[in-house]
């Protein structure tokens, strides 16, 4: 143990002895979303309004190791306000964030990045909103606790991470379950406008002192992506599938394998975009109403509830979004979105639900001062290299 501590001390001294700069960043998020699902009697989702703002300031050190590698240490605070909630000022502070980040330009033109600690969920780049994570869940669970790795070159992007959102409870927290999730995403541009992409999640929903069962919920979404050049600002067509392995070990029943077809279509021009998700397949949340010892499985599924189809056979679900994001060329650190989202699905006479299940109106504002903070400057990349950095300098 003493040798490890000494090695860490020497590493810290060597980093601090090199070139270093004050490092900082500030994120601000304002969010207004209104959900209306009365048309389907709130069977697939609830009718409510989300109105909140978040501020995340960070400060730390940026340290140069050489022309291709730099290290970052940061600490910050996550402040969240739900409008109208009436919390006292100190109650708005959610948690302290702190993390270590390293980034390196490799000799083959690739770029590697790693992060460890408690860090904002803006670091992952995978497209996992929908069956994996509801967008409200992502907003309220703003930080990841664990580690994450990313690699990219001219044709390949891949990321792999571990998030540990739940620690085994004790006598003071008997309902708290141990939970951890391994996530991965990536793409391989193998031919012109075509890429093979994936997202995956290995979710271990384990025990608490009064819930001695373990549930596995693993998902994999591979797809083929076509993104041709056109007069549109954005044109993307995806086609793939969702495959899951789910097992409630306490019941003794065999595992189940819900799966289905999943596709996405995006068309964008002049700040406007049409974004459509379509799914046909099994109910992806078969244990949604499950419980043990009277305690429900509240945190087992955190994706959009529309993928809990409530059918015992394959059925279809569709989310159609109209989005407007004006361009602020003079303000690259600001992003404004106005979104209308419409939820459709197979009708049910038993549940008394029509094809049109409900809709959502949203306004989102994000301010990210990353472009203004001190960081390694970009030099002109060598021809054929994917990375925007030919070298790092402080």
Protein backbone atom coordinates (compact mmCIF):
# COMPACT_ATOMS: atom_id res chain seq x y z
CA UNK A 1 0.00 0.00 0.00
CA UNK A 2 2.86 2.39 0.85
CA UNK A 3 4.49 1.68 -2.53
CA UNK A 4 1.23 2.52 -4.34
CA UNK A 5 0.86 5.75 -2.35
CA UNK A 6 4.48 6.69 -3.11
CA UNK A 7 4.00 6.01 -6.82
CA UNK A 8 0.86 8.14 -6.91
CA UNK A 9 2.69 10.93 -5.06
CA UNK A 10 5.59 10.86 -7.53
CA UNK A 11 3.18 10.85 -10.47
CA UNK A 12 1.36 13.85 -9.02
CA UNK A 13 4.64 15.70 -8.53
CA UNK A 14 5.79 14.98 -12.07
CA UNK A 15 2.49 16.24 -13.47
CA UNK A 16 2.52 19.38 -11.35
CA UNK A 17 6.13 20.05 -12.28
CA UNK A 18 5.20 20.21 -15.97
CA UNK A 19 3.27 22.85 -17.84
CA UNK A 20 -0.14 23.46 -16.31
CA UNK A 21 -3.01 25.89 -16.56
CA UNK A 22 -6.11 26.70 -14.64
CA UNK A 23 -8.95 24.70 -16.18
CA UNK A 24 -12.66 25.42 -15.88
CA UNK A 25 -16.02 24.88 -17.45
CA UNK A 26 -19.63 25.95 -16.80
CA UNK A 27 -22.78 24.20 -17.99
CA UNK A 28 -26.28 25.64 -17.68
CA UNK A 29 -29.43 23.77 -18.68
CA UNK A 30 -32.97 25.16 -18.73
CA UNK A 31 -35.73 22.70 -19.50
CA UNK A 32 -39.49 22.93 -19.98
CA UNK A 33 -41.43 19.83 -21.01
CA UNK A 34 -45.16 19.29 -20.90
CA UNK A 35 -46.53 15.75 -21.29
CA UNK A 36 -50.14 15.12 -22.28
CA UNK A 37 -51.26 11.49 -22.22
CA UNK A 38 -54.89 11.81 -21.15
CA UNK A 39 -55.93 10.57 -24.60
CA UNK A 40 -54.59 7.11 -23.70
CA UNK A 41 -55.69 7.42 -20.03
CA UNK A 42 -52.04 7.76 -18.95
CA UNK A 43 -51.51 4.04 -19.49
CA UNK A 44 -48.22 4.43 -21.35
CA UNK A 45 -46.98 7.58 -19.67
CA UNK A 46 -48.14 10.20 -17.18
CA UNK A 47 -49.43 13.68 -17.90
CA UNK A 48 -47.24 16.20 -16.10
CA UNK A 49 -45.00 19.22 -16.60
CA UNK A 50 -41.25 19.27 -16.04
CA UNK A 51 -39.82 22.75 -15.49
CA UNK A 52 -36.28 22.92 -14.14
CA UNK A 53 -32.86 24.54 -14.41
CA UNK A 54 -29.38 23.23 -13.63
CA UNK A 55 -26.02 24.94 -13.17
CA UNK A 56 -22.77 22.96 -13.12
CA UNK A 57 -19.59 25.01 -12.60
CA UNK A 58 -16.23 23.20 -12.58
CA UNK A 59 -12.65 24.23 -11.87
CA UNK A 60 -9.35 22.36 -11.92
CA UNK A 61 -5.92 21.94 -13.50
CA UNK A 62 -4.92 21.10 -17.05
CA UNK A 63 -1.46 19.51 -17.18
CA UNK A 64 0.69 18.76 -20.22
CA UNK A 65 2.73 15.58 -20.27
CA UNK A 66 4.10 16.04 -23.80
CA UNK A 67 2.94 17.32 -27.18
CA UNK A 68 0.41 14.49 -27.52
CA UNK A 69 -0.88 13.84 -24.00
CA UNK A 70 -2.54 16.00 -21.39
CA UNK A 71 -4.24 15.36 -18.04
CA UNK A 72 -7.10 17.15 -16.34
CA UNK A 73 -8.26 17.19 -12.73
CA UNK A 74 -11.56 18.89 -11.94
CA UNK A 75 -13.99 19.47 -9.12
CA UNK A 76 -17.42 21.05 -9.39
CA UNK A 77 -20.92 21.19 -7.99
CA UNK A 78 -24.28 20.22 -9.44
CA UNK A 79 -27.08 22.69 -8.59
CA UNK A 80 -30.66 21.81 -9.60
CA UNK A 81 -33.89 23.79 -9.22
CA UNK A 82 -37.33 22.37 -9.96
CA UNK A 83 -39.48 25.43 -10.52
CA UNK A 84 -42.14 25.90 -7.87
CA UNK A 85 -40.81 23.15 -5.61
CA UNK A 86 -40.02 25.56 -2.78
CA UNK A 87 -36.78 23.99 -1.57
CA UNK A 88 -34.43 25.94 0.67
CA UNK A 89 -31.24 27.24 -0.94
CA UNK A 90 -28.87 24.57 0.41
CA UNK A 91 -31.25 21.82 -0.73
CA UNK A 92 -30.62 22.80 -4.34
CA UNK A 93 -27.06 21.44 -4.20
CA UNK A 94 -27.29 17.89 -5.54
CA UNK A 95 -23.74 16.57 -5.25
CA UNK A 96 -20.08 17.35 -5.67
CA UNK A 97 -18.51 16.14 -8.92
CA UNK A 98 -14.81 15.38 -9.24
CA UNK A 99 -12.90 13.44 -11.84
CA UNK A 100 -9.63 12.71 -13.60
CA UNK A 101 -9.46 12.92 -17.42
CA UNK A 102 -6.64 11.98 -19.79
CA UNK A 103 -6.54 12.49 -23.55
CA UNK A 104 -3.88 11.30 -25.97
CA UNK A 105 -3.22 11.55 -29.70
CA UNK A 106 -1.84 8.21 -30.87
CA UNK A 107 0.79 7.67 -33.51
CA UNK A 108 -1.64 6.04 -35.93
CA UNK A 109 -3.87 9.12 -36.01
CA UNK A 110 -6.28 7.79 -33.43
CA UNK A 111 -7.37 9.61 -30.33
CA UNK A 112 -7.90 8.00 -26.92
CA UNK A 113 -9.67 9.49 -23.92
CA UNK A 114 -10.46 8.17 -20.44
CA UNK A 115 -12.25 9.58 -17.42
CA UNK A 116 -12.80 8.30 -13.87
CA UNK A 117 -14.69 9.60 -10.86
CA UNK A 118 -18.05 11.31 -10.62
CA UNK A 119 -18.45 13.19 -13.92
CA UNK A 120 -21.21 14.77 -16.07
CA UNK A 121 -23.08 12.50 -18.48
CA UNK A 122 -22.12 14.80 -21.36
CA UNK A 123 -18.92 12.75 -21.74
CA UNK A 124 -20.53 9.67 -23.42
CA UNK A 125 -21.51 10.17 -27.06
CA UNK A 126 -23.64 7.05 -27.66
CA UNK A 127 -27.22 7.41 -28.89
CA UNK A 128 -29.04 5.60 -26.08
CA UNK A 129 -32.15 7.74 -25.56
CA UNK A 130 -35.38 5.76 -25.98
CA UNK A 131 -35.38 2.08 -25.00
CA UNK A 132 -32.29 2.52 -22.81
CA UNK A 133 -32.85 5.88 -21.09
CA UNK A 134 -35.80 8.21 -20.91
CA UNK A 135 -34.72 11.79 -21.60
CA UNK A 136 -36.11 12.91 -18.23
CA UNK A 137 -34.01 10.25 -16.51
CA UNK A 138 -30.89 11.59 -18.22
CA UNK A 139 -31.70 15.14 -17.09
CA UNK A 140 -32.22 14.22 -13.43
CA UNK A 141 -29.36 11.73 -13.34
CA UNK A 142 -26.85 14.21 -14.62
CA UNK A 143 -23.68 12.49 -13.41
CA UNK A 144 -22.07 9.11 -13.93
CA UNK A 145 -20.13 7.37 -11.17
CA UNK A 146 -17.38 5.12 -12.43
CA UNK A 147 -15.15 5.19 -15.50
CA UNK A 148 -15.39 5.70 -19.25
CA UNK A 149 -13.12 5.14 -22.26
CA UNK A 150 -13.33 6.45 -25.83
CA UNK A 151 -11.33 5.82 -28.98
CA UNK A 152 -11.70 7.23 -32.48
CA UNK A 153 -9.85 7.34 -35.75
CA UNK A 154 -10.78 8.09 -39.35
CA UNK A 155 -13.26 5.22 -39.65
CA UNK A 156 -13.99 3.93 -36.13
CA UNK A 157 -15.50 5.31 -32.95
CA UNK A 158 -15.97 3.18 -29.83
CA UNK A 159 -16.73 3.85 -26.18
CA UNK A 160 -17.05 1.65 -23.12
CA UNK A 161 -17.98 2.67 -19.60
CA UNK A 162 -19.10 1.57 -16.16
CA UNK A 163 -21.72 3.48 -14.17
CA UNK A 164 -22.45 2.48 -10.55
CA UNK A 165 -25.72 4.23 -9.60
CA UNK A 166 -26.63 2.06 -6.61
CA UNK A 167 -24.65 0.85 -3.60
CA UNK A 168 -25.85 -2.08 -1.49
CA UNK A 169 -28.07 -0.75 1.27
CA UNK A 170 -27.56 -1.09 5.02
CA UNK A 171 -29.79 -0.99 8.11
CA UNK A 172 -30.41 2.72 7.54
CA UNK A 173 -31.21 2.19 3.83
CA UNK A 174 -32.76 -1.30 3.63
CA UNK A 175 -34.48 -0.62 0.28
CA UNK A 176 -31.38 0.56 -1.57
CA UNK A 177 -30.31 -1.99 -4.16
CA UNK A 178 -26.88 -2.53 -5.59
CA UNK A 179 -26.97 -1.52 -9.28
CA UNK A 180 -24.33 -1.18 -11.93
CA UNK A 181 -24.39 -0.85 -15.71
CA UNK A 182 -21.76 -1.44 -18.37
CA UNK A 183 -22.53 0.57 -21.51
CA UNK A 184 -20.97 0.60 -24.94
CA UNK A 185 -21.56 2.41 -28.22
CA UNK A 186 -19.72 2.84 -31.47
CA UNK A 187 -19.67 3.00 -35.23
CA UNK A 188 -17.57 1.66 -38.08
CA UNK A 189 -17.66 3.54 -41.36
CA UNK A 190 -16.92 0.55 -43.58
CA UNK A 191 -18.02 1.81 -47.00
CA UNK A 192 -18.67 5.35 -48.17
CA UNK A 193 -21.97 6.56 -46.70
CA UNK A 194 -22.61 3.32 -44.82
CA UNK A 195 -21.68 2.56 -41.21
CA UNK A 196 -22.27 -0.30 -38.81
CA UNK A 197 -23.27 1.06 -35.38
CA UNK A 198 -24.26 -0.28 -32.02
CA UNK A 199 -25.33 0.59 -28.50
CA UNK A 200 -25.35 -1.88 -25.64
CA UNK A 201 -26.13 -2.07 -21.96
CA UNK A 202 -25.28 -4.77 -19.41
CA UNK A 203 -27.43 -3.92 -16.39
CA UNK A 204 -27.09 -5.75 -13.07
CA UNK A 205 -30.05 -4.98 -10.78
CA UNK A 206 -28.94 -6.70 -7.60
CA UNK A 207 -29.88 -7.10 -3.97
CA UNK A 208 -30.85 -4.88 -1.08
CA UNK A 209 -31.02 -6.05 2.57
CA UNK A 210 -34.74 -6.83 2.20
CA UNK A 211 -34.78 -7.71 -1.54
CA UNK A 212 -32.55 -10.77 -1.93
CA UNK A 213 -33.01 -11.19 -5.66
CA UNK A 214 -30.98 -10.30 -8.73
CA UNK A 215 -32.41 -9.29 -12.10
CA UNK A 216 -30.44 -9.19 -15.32
CA UNK A 217 -31.51 -6.71 -17.99
CA UNK A 218 -29.09 -6.71 -20.92
CA UNK A 219 -29.77 -4.94 -24.23
CA UNK A 220 -27.99 -4.73 -27.57
CA UNK A 221 -29.03 -2.52 -30.49
CA UNK A 222 -26.96 -3.06 -33.66
CA UNK A 223 -27.94 -1.20 -36.83
CA UNK A 224 -26.87 -0.24 -40.31
CA UNK A 225 -26.67 3.50 -40.90
CA UNK A 226 -26.89 5.32 -44.23
CA UNK A 227 -25.91 9.00 -44.14
CA UNK A 228 -25.54 10.21 -47.74
CA UNK A 229 -24.48 13.65 -48.84
CA UNK A 230 -27.47 15.72 -49.97
CA UNK A 231 -28.83 19.25 -50.11
CA UNK A 232 -30.20 18.65 -46.60
CA UNK A 233 -28.18 19.70 -43.57
CA UNK A 234 -28.87 16.27 -42.09
CA UNK A 235 -30.10 13.05 -43.65
CA UNK A 236 -29.79 9.78 -41.77
CA UNK A 237 -31.56 6.44 -42.14
CA UNK A 238 -30.99 3.64 -39.61
CA UNK A 239 -32.25 0.06 -39.60
CA UNK A 240 -31.46 -2.56 -36.99
CA UNK A 241 -32.80 -4.51 -34.08
CA UNK A 242 -33.03 -4.58 -30.30
CA UNK A 243 -32.11 -7.84 -28.58
CA UNK A 244 -32.42 -8.37 -24.83
CA UNK A 245 -31.70 -10.97 -22.18
CA UNK A 246 -33.77 -10.60 -19.01
CA UNK A 247 -33.95 -12.91 -16.03
CA UNK A 248 -35.52 -12.57 -12.58
CA UNK A 249 -33.41 -15.11 -10.70
CA UNK A 250 -35.61 -15.19 -7.60
CA UNK A 251 -38.63 -16.64 -9.39
CA UNK A 252 -36.75 -19.59 -10.80
CA UNK A 253 -38.34 -19.02 -14.18
CA UNK A 254 -36.19 -19.32 -17.30
CA UNK A 255 -34.83 -16.11 -18.85
CA UNK A 256 -36.81 -14.27 -21.50
CA UNK A 257 -35.51 -12.68 -24.70
CA UNK A 258 -37.73 -9.76 -25.81
CA UNK A 259 -36.58 -8.35 -29.15
CA UNK A 260 -37.75 -6.43 -32.17
CA UNK A 261 -37.03 -4.27 -35.21
CA UNK A 262 -35.86 -0.70 -34.52
CA UNK A 263 -35.33 2.07 -37.06
CA UNK A 264 -34.74 5.81 -37.13
CA UNK A 265 -35.13 8.47 -39.83
CA UNK A 266 -33.80 12.05 -39.60
CA UNK A 267 -34.31 14.87 -42.10
CA UNK A 268 -32.97 18.34 -41.30
CA UNK A 269 -32.67 21.70 -43.06
CA UNK A 270 -32.35 25.37 -41.94
CA UNK A 271 -32.51 24.43 -38.26
CA UNK A 272 -35.67 22.32 -38.64
CA UNK A 273 -35.54 18.55 -38.25
CA UNK A 274 -37.96 15.63 -38.48
CA UNK A 275 -36.81 12.78 -36.26
CA UNK A 276 -38.74 9.52 -36.18
CA UNK A 277 -38.21 6.33 -34.13
CA UNK A 278 -40.10 3.15 -35.07
CA UNK A 279 -40.17 -0.13 -33.15
CA UNK A 280 -41.94 -3.39 -33.90
CA UNK A 281 -41.49 -6.27 -31.54
CA UNK A 282 -42.01 -7.67 -28.06
CA UNK A 283 -42.66 -5.81 -24.83
CA UNK A 284 -39.15 -4.72 -23.79
CA UNK A 285 -40.16 -4.34 -20.13
CA UNK A 286 -41.70 -7.69 -19.14
CA UNK A 287 -40.92 -7.25 -15.42
CA UNK A 288 -42.22 -3.68 -15.25
CA UNK A 289 -44.90 -4.52 -12.63
CA UNK A 290 -42.71 -6.98 -10.76
CA UNK A 291 -41.93 -6.83 -7.03
CA UNK A 292 -40.42 -8.83 -4.20
CA UNK A 293 -41.56 -8.73 -0.58
CA UNK A 294 -43.96 -5.99 -1.64
CA UNK A 295 -41.15 -3.78 -2.96
CA UNK A 296 -41.60 -2.87 -6.68
CA UNK A 297 -38.80 -2.93 -9.24
CA UNK A 298 -38.78 0.87 -9.51
CA UNK A 299 -35.29 1.26 -10.98
CA UNK A 300 -35.16 -1.76 -13.25
CA UNK A 301 -36.41 0.06 -16.36
CA UNK A 302 -35.43 3.67 -17.05
CA UNK A 303 -36.25 3.86 -20.77
CA UNK A 304 -39.30 5.43 -22.42
CA UNK A 305 -42.40 3.71 -21.09
CA UNK A 306 -43.77 3.43 -24.60
CA UNK A 307 -41.51 0.39 -25.07
CA UNK A 308 -43.56 -1.30 -22.33
CA UNK A 309 -46.14 -2.16 -24.97
CA UNK A 310 -48.51 -4.09 -22.63
CA UNK A 311 -49.12 -6.65 -25.39
CA UNK A 312 -48.31 -10.35 -25.04
CA UNK A 313 -47.42 -10.45 -28.75
CA UNK A 314 -45.31 -8.28 -31.05
CA UNK A 315 -46.73 -4.79 -31.64
CA UNK A 316 -45.55 -1.44 -32.94
CA UNK A 317 -44.52 1.89 -31.35
CA UNK A 318 -43.60 5.16 -33.04
CA UNK A 319 -42.17 8.46 -31.73
CA UNK A 320 -42.28 11.34 -34.22
CA UNK A 321 -40.46 14.57 -33.31
CA UNK A 322 -40.44 17.97 -34.92
CA UNK A 323 -37.49 20.05 -33.73
CA UNK A 324 -36.21 23.55 -34.38
CA UNK A 325 -32.68 24.59 -33.38
CA UNK A 326 -31.73 28.06 -34.62
CA UNK A 327 -28.09 28.65 -35.47
CA UNK A 328 -26.20 31.11 -33.25
CA UNK A 329 -22.91 31.41 -35.15
CA UNK A 330 -21.67 34.20 -32.89
CA UNK A 331 -22.59 32.14 -29.82
CA UNK A 332 -21.24 28.61 -30.40
CA UNK A 333 -21.56 27.87 -26.71
CA UNK A 334 -25.36 28.26 -26.71
CA UNK A 335 -28.00 25.83 -28.01
CA UNK A 336 -31.76 26.42 -28.09
CA UNK A 337 -34.25 23.68 -29.02
CA UNK A 338 -38.01 23.75 -29.48
CA UNK A 339 -39.45 20.24 -29.73
CA UNK A 340 -42.86 18.70 -30.39
CA UNK A 341 -42.96 14.93 -29.87
CA UNK A 342 -45.89 12.71 -30.87
CA UNK A 343 -46.32 9.18 -29.52
CA UNK A 344 -48.17 6.57 -31.60
CA UNK A 345 -48.71 2.87 -31.06
CA UNK A 346 -50.89 -0.11 -31.82
CA UNK A 347 -54.42 0.55 -30.48
CA UNK A 348 -55.99 -1.67 -27.84
CA UNK A 349 -59.69 -2.15 -27.20
CA UNK A 350 -58.93 -3.80 -23.86
CA UNK A 351 -56.88 -0.84 -22.61
CA UNK A 352 -59.11 1.67 -24.45
CA UNK A 353 -56.12 3.32 -26.09
CA UNK A 354 -56.14 4.84 -29.61
CA UNK A 355 -53.33 4.96 -32.16
CA UNK A 356 -52.35 8.47 -31.02
CA UNK A 357 -51.28 7.96 -27.40
CA UNK A 358 -50.14 11.46 -26.44
CA UNK A 359 -47.67 14.21 -27.12
CA UNK A 360 -45.03 16.42 -25.57
CA UNK A 361 -44.04 20.06 -25.99
CA UNK A 362 -40.59 21.15 -24.93
CA UNK A 363 -38.19 24.09 -24.83
CA UNK A 364 -34.55 23.46 -23.93
CA UNK A 365 -31.67 25.89 -23.52
CA UNK A 366 -28.09 24.74 -22.99
CA UNK A 367 -25.08 26.93 -22.30
CA UNK A 368 -21.73 25.14 -22.40
CA UNK A 369 -18.68 27.36 -22.05
CA UNK A 370 -16.27 24.61 -23.07
CA UNK A 371 -15.29 26.57 -26.20
CA UNK A 372 -14.18 29.51 -24.05
CA UNK A 373 -12.19 27.73 -21.38
CA UNK A 374 -8.41 27.23 -21.66
CA UNK A 375 -7.59 23.88 -23.24
CA UNK A 376 -5.04 22.39 -25.63
CA UNK A 377 -5.02 24.39 -28.84
CA UNK A 378 -5.68 22.67 -32.13
CA UNK A 379 -2.94 22.62 -34.70
CA UNK A 380 -3.65 21.84 -38.33
CA UNK A 381 -4.15 18.07 -38.65
CA UNK A 382 -2.13 16.02 -41.05
CA UNK A 383 -3.97 14.94 -44.18
CA UNK A 384 -6.02 11.78 -43.64
CA UNK A 385 -6.05 12.02 -39.86
CA UNK A 386 -9.43 12.00 -38.14
CA UNK A 387 -8.32 13.77 -34.97
CA UNK A 388 -8.62 17.57 -35.03
CA UNK A 389 -5.40 17.74 -33.00
CA UNK A 390 -2.05 17.14 -34.61
CA UNK A 391 -0.48 17.90 -31.22
CA UNK A 392 -1.40 19.44 -27.92
CA UNK A 393 0.21 22.60 -26.62
CA UNK A 394 -0.28 24.62 -23.46
